[in-house]
Amino acid sequence: MAVSDKVLGGSMLLLAVFVFVYYTTWAILLPFFDASSPIHDYFLAREWAIRLPAFILVVGLSGIGLFIGSTVMKENHKKAQKARLRAA
């Protein structure tokens, strides 16, 4: 099991490095290249460099909020059940 964990961790690290290099090139370095440069063919339009991370952030924060909300509701439901059992 330890070898598969190392492989999974290594692949996740390589993916993170690739995404970082791709996004950094796309958002920071690409404006310095001429618009007719062939490197522009490898990237989406510049407005997507803002839209995609913003969308991912909204979806991620919504997921976290839903998780916290459902956890709080479950805990309140458990507390209410315990209070009903004590009262009965």
N, C-alpha and C. Protein backbone atom coordinates (compact mmCIF):
# COMPACT_ATOMS: atom_id res chain seq x y z
N MET A 1 0.82 -1.19 0.00
CA MET A 1 0.00 0.00 0.00
C MET A 1 0.86 1.26 0.00
N ALA A 2 2.04 1.19 0.57
CA ALA A 2 2.90 2.38 0.65
C ALA A 2 3.39 2.80 -0.73
N VAL A 3 3.63 1.85 -1.60
CA VAL A 3 4.11 2.19 -2.93
C VAL A 3 3.01 2.89 -3.72
N SER A 4 1.79 2.42 -3.62
CA SER A 4 0.71 3.07 -4.35
C SER A 4 0.45 4.48 -3.82
N ASP A 5 0.64 4.68 -2.51
CA ASP A 5 0.49 6.02 -1.95
C ASP A 5 1.57 6.95 -2.50
N LYS A 6 2.77 6.43 -2.64
CA LYS A 6 3.86 7.24 -3.19
C LYS A 6 3.60 7.58 -4.65
N VAL A 7 3.09 6.62 -5.40
CA VAL A 7 2.79 6.87 -6.81
C VAL A 7 1.67 7.90 -6.93
N LEU A 8 0.64 7.75 -6.12
CA LEU A 8 -0.47 8.70 -6.14
C LEU A 8 0.01 10.10 -5.75
N GLY A 9 0.80 10.19 -4.70
CA GLY A 9 1.34 11.48 -4.27
C GLY A 9 2.23 12.11 -5.32
N GLY A 10 3.07 11.30 -5.95
CA GLY A 10 3.95 11.81 -7.00
C GLY A 10 3.17 12.30 -8.21
N SER A 11 2.14 11.55 -8.60
CA SER A 11 1.33 11.98 -9.74
C SER A 11 0.55 13.24 -9.41
N MET A 12 0.06 13.38 -8.20
CA MET A 12 -0.64 14.60 -7.79
C MET A 12 0.31 15.79 -7.78
N LEU A 13 1.53 15.57 -7.34
CA LEU A 13 2.54 16.63 -7.34
C LEU A 13 2.88 17.06 -8.76
N LEU A 14 3.07 16.10 -9.65
CA LEU A 14 3.36 16.43 -11.05
C LEU A 14 2.20 17.19 -11.70
N LEU A 15 0.97 16.79 -11.40
CA LEU A 15 -0.19 17.50 -11.92
C LEU A 15 -0.24 18.94 -11.40
N ALA A 16 0.04 19.11 -10.12
CA ALA A 16 0.04 20.46 -9.52
C ALA A 16 1.12 21.33 -10.14
N VAL A 17 2.30 20.77 -10.37
CA VAL A 17 3.39 21.53 -11.00
C VAL A 17 3.01 21.91 -12.43
N PHE A 18 2.41 20.98 -13.17
CA PHE A 18 1.99 21.27 -14.54
C PHE A 18 0.95 22.39 -14.57
N VAL A 19 -0.06 22.30 -13.71
CA VAL A 19 -1.10 23.32 -13.66
C VAL A 19 -0.50 24.67 -13.28
N PHE A 20 0.42 24.69 -12.33
CA PHE A 20 1.05 25.94 -11.91
C PHE A 20 1.84 26.57 -13.06
N VAL A 21 2.64 25.77 -13.73
CA VAL A 21 3.46 26.30 -14.83
C VAL A 21 2.56 26.76 -15.98
N TYR A 22 1.54 25.98 -16.31
CA TYR A 22 0.62 26.34 -17.40
C TYR A 22 -0.09 27.65 -17.08
N TYR A 23 -0.66 27.76 -15.87
CA TYR A 23 -1.42 28.96 -15.51
C TYR A 23 -0.51 30.17 -15.40
N THR A 24 0.68 30.00 -14.83
CA THR A 24 1.62 31.12 -14.72
C THR A 24 2.02 31.62 -16.10
N THR A 25 2.29 30.69 -17.01
CA THR A 25 2.63 31.10 -18.37
C THR A 25 1.45 31.80 -19.03
N TRP A 26 0.26 31.27 -18.83
CA TRP A 26 -0.94 31.80 -19.44
C TRP A 26 -1.28 33.19 -18.93
N ALA A 27 -1.25 33.36 -17.63
CA ALA A 27 -1.73 34.62 -17.04
C ALA A 27 -0.65 35.69 -16.92
N ILE A 28 0.60 35.29 -16.74
CA ILE A 28 1.64 36.28 -16.46
C ILE A 28 2.59 36.49 -17.64
N LEU A 29 3.04 35.42 -18.26
CA LEU A 29 4.04 35.55 -19.31
C LEU A 29 3.47 35.78 -20.69
N LEU A 30 2.27 35.28 -20.98
CA LEU A 30 1.70 35.38 -22.32
C LEU A 30 1.52 36.81 -22.83
N PRO A 31 1.18 37.77 -21.98
CA PRO A 31 1.04 39.15 -22.51
C PRO A 31 2.34 39.73 -23.07
N PHE A 32 3.47 39.19 -22.69
CA PHE A 32 4.75 39.70 -23.17
C PHE A 32 5.12 39.15 -24.55
N PHE A 33 4.39 38.13 -25.02
CA PHE A 33 4.64 37.58 -26.34
C PHE A 33 3.78 38.31 -27.37
N ASP A 34 4.28 38.42 -28.57
CA ASP A 34 3.54 39.05 -29.65
C ASP A 34 2.26 38.26 -29.93
N ALA A 35 1.19 38.95 -30.30
CA ALA A 35 -0.10 38.29 -30.53
C ALA A 35 -0.04 37.29 -31.67
N SER A 36 0.89 37.46 -32.59
CA SER A 36 1.01 36.51 -33.71
C SER A 36 1.91 35.32 -33.37
N SER A 37 2.42 35.27 -32.16
CA SER A 37 3.30 34.18 -31.76
C SER A 37 2.52 32.87 -31.70
N PRO A 38 3.14 31.78 -32.14
CA PRO A 38 2.43 30.49 -32.12
C PRO A 38 2.16 29.97 -30.70
N ILE A 39 2.79 30.54 -29.70
CA ILE A 39 2.55 30.08 -28.33
C ILE A 39 1.12 30.39 -27.89
N HIS A 40 0.49 31.39 -28.50
CA HIS A 40 -0.89 31.73 -28.15
C HIS A 40 -1.88 30.63 -28.54
N ASP A 41 -1.48 29.76 -29.44
CA ASP A 41 -2.37 28.67 -29.87
C ASP A 41 -2.56 27.61 -28.77
N TYR A 42 -1.67 27.56 -27.79
CA TYR A 42 -1.74 26.56 -26.74
C TYR A 42 -2.62 26.98 -25.57
N PHE A 43 -3.14 28.19 -25.59
CA PHE A 43 -3.89 28.72 -24.45
C PHE A 43 -5.26 29.23 -24.89
N LEU A 44 -6.20 29.22 -23.96
CA LEU A 44 -7.50 29.83 -24.20
C LEU A 44 -7.37 31.34 -24.20
N ALA A 45 -8.47 32.03 -24.46
CA ALA A 45 -8.46 33.49 -24.44
C ALA A 45 -8.12 33.99 -23.04
N ARG A 46 -7.59 35.19 -22.95
CA ARG A 46 -7.11 35.72 -21.67
C ARG A 46 -8.21 35.87 -20.63
N GLU A 47 -9.45 36.17 -21.03
CA GLU A 47 -10.51 36.36 -20.04
C GLU A 47 -10.81 35.08 -19.27
N TRP A 48 -10.49 33.92 -19.88
CA TRP A 48 -10.71 32.66 -19.18
C TRP A 48 -9.68 32.43 -18.07
N ALA A 49 -8.58 33.17 -18.11
CA ALA A 49 -7.59 33.07 -17.03
C ALA A 49 -8.16 33.62 -15.73
N ILE A 50 -9.20 34.43 -15.82
CA ILE A 50 -9.87 34.95 -14.63
C ILE A 50 -11.15 34.17 -14.37
N ARG A 51 -11.90 33.87 -15.42
CA ARG A 51 -13.19 33.20 -15.25
C ARG A 51 -13.07 31.80 -14.65
N LEU A 52 -12.13 31.01 -15.13
CA LEU A 52 -12.01 29.63 -14.62
C LEU A 52 -11.64 29.57 -13.14
N PRO A 53 -10.61 30.29 -12.69
CA PRO A 53 -10.32 30.25 -11.25
C PRO A 53 -11.46 30.82 -10.40
N ALA A 54 -12.15 31.84 -10.90
CA ALA A 54 -13.28 32.40 -10.16
C ALA A 54 -14.40 31.37 -10.04
N PHE A 55 -14.68 30.66 -11.12
CA PHE A 55 -15.71 29.62 -11.09
C PHE A 55 -15.32 28.50 -10.13
N ILE A 56 -14.07 28.08 -10.18
CA ILE A 56 -13.60 27.02 -9.28
C ILE A 56 -13.69 27.47 -7.83
N LEU A 57 -13.37 28.74 -7.58
CA LEU A 57 -13.46 29.28 -6.22
C LEU A 57 -14.91 29.29 -5.73
N VAL A 58 -15.84 29.72 -6.57
CA VAL A 58 -17.25 29.77 -6.18
C VAL A 58 -17.77 28.36 -5.91
N VAL A 59 -17.44 27.42 -6.78
CA VAL A 59 -17.90 26.04 -6.59
C VAL A 59 -17.28 25.44 -5.32
N GLY A 60 -16.00 25.68 -5.10
CA GLY A 60 -15.34 25.16 -3.91
C GLY A 60 -15.91 25.74 -2.62
N LEU A 61 -16.09 27.05 -2.58
CA LEU A 61 -16.66 27.68 -1.38
C LEU A 61 -18.11 27.24 -1.17
N SER A 62 -18.85 27.04 -2.23
CA SER A 62 -20.23 26.55 -2.10
C SER A 62 -20.23 25.13 -1.53
N GLY A 63 -19.32 24.31 -2.00
CA GLY A 63 -19.22 22.95 -1.47
C GLY A 63 -18.86 22.93 0.00
N ILE A 64 -17.93 23.78 0.39
CA ILE A 64 -17.54 23.87 1.80
C ILE A 64 -18.71 24.36 2.64
N GLY A 65 -19.41 25.37 2.13
CA GLY A 65 -20.57 25.89 2.85
C GLY A 65 -21.67 24.85 3.00
N LEU A 66 -21.93 24.09 1.94
CA LEU A 66 -22.93 23.02 2.01
C LEU A 66 -22.52 21.94 3.02
N PHE A 67 -21.25 21.59 3.02
CA PHE A 67 -20.77 20.59 3.97
C PHE A 67 -20.93 21.06 5.41
N ILE A 68 -20.52 22.30 5.67
CA ILE A 68 -20.64 22.84 7.03
C ILE A 68 -22.10 22.95 7.43
N GLY A 69 -22.95 23.43 6.51
CA GLY A 69 -24.37 23.55 6.81
C GLY A 69 -25.02 22.22 7.12
N SER A 70 -24.71 21.20 6.32
CA SER A 70 -25.31 19.89 6.57
C SER A 70 -24.79 19.28 7.87
N THR A 71 -23.54 19.51 8.20
CA THR A 71 -22.98 19.00 9.45
C THR A 71 -23.65 19.68 10.64
N VAL A 72 -23.83 20.98 10.58
CA VAL A 72 -24.49 21.71 11.67
C VAL A 72 -25.93 21.22 11.83
N MET A 73 -26.62 21.03 10.71
CA MET A 73 -28.01 20.56 10.79
C MET A 73 -28.09 19.15 11.39
N LYS A 74 -27.18 18.28 11.03
CA LYS A 74 -27.17 16.93 11.59
C LYS A 74 -26.90 16.97 13.09
N GLU A 75 -25.94 17.80 13.51
CA GLU A 75 -25.62 17.90 14.94
C GLU A 75 -26.80 18.46 15.72
N ASN A 76 -27.48 19.46 15.16
CA ASN A 76 -28.66 20.02 15.83
C ASN A 76 -29.78 18.99 15.92
N HIS A 77 -29.92 18.18 14.89
CA HIS A 77 -30.93 17.12 14.91
C HIS A 77 -30.59 16.09 15.99
N LYS A 78 -29.33 15.73 16.12
CA LYS A 78 -28.93 14.78 17.16
C LYS A 78 -29.17 15.35 18.55
N LYS A 79 -28.85 16.63 18.74
CA LYS A 79 -29.07 17.27 20.04
C LYS A 79 -30.56 17.32 20.37
N ALA A 80 -31.39 17.58 19.39
CA ALA A 80 -32.83 17.63 19.62
C ALA A 80 -33.36 16.25 19.99
N GLN A 81 -32.84 15.22 19.34
CA GLN A 81 -33.27 13.86 19.68
C GLN A 81 -32.86 13.50 21.10
N LYS A 82 -31.65 13.87 21.50
CA LYS A 82 -31.20 13.59 22.86
C LYS A 82 -32.04 14.34 23.88
N ALA A 83 -32.40 15.57 23.55
CA ALA A 83 -33.24 16.35 24.47
C ALA A 83 -34.63 15.73 24.59
N ARG A 84 -35.18 15.22 23.48
CA ARG A 84 -36.49 14.56 23.52
C ARG A 84 -36.42 13.28 24.34
N LEU A 85 -35.32 12.54 24.22
CA LEU A 85 -35.19 11.30 25.00
C LEU A 85 -35.07 11.59 26.48
N ARG A 86 -34.37 12.66 26.85
CA ARG A 86 -34.24 13.02 28.25
C ARG A 86 -35.57 13.50 28.83
N ALA A 87 -36.35 14.21 28.02
CA ALA A 87 -37.62 14.74 28.49
C ALA A 87 -38.66 13.62 28.62
N ALA A 88 -38.53 12.56 27.86
CA ALA A 88 -39.54 11.49 27.91
C ALA A 88 -39.31 10.52 29.03
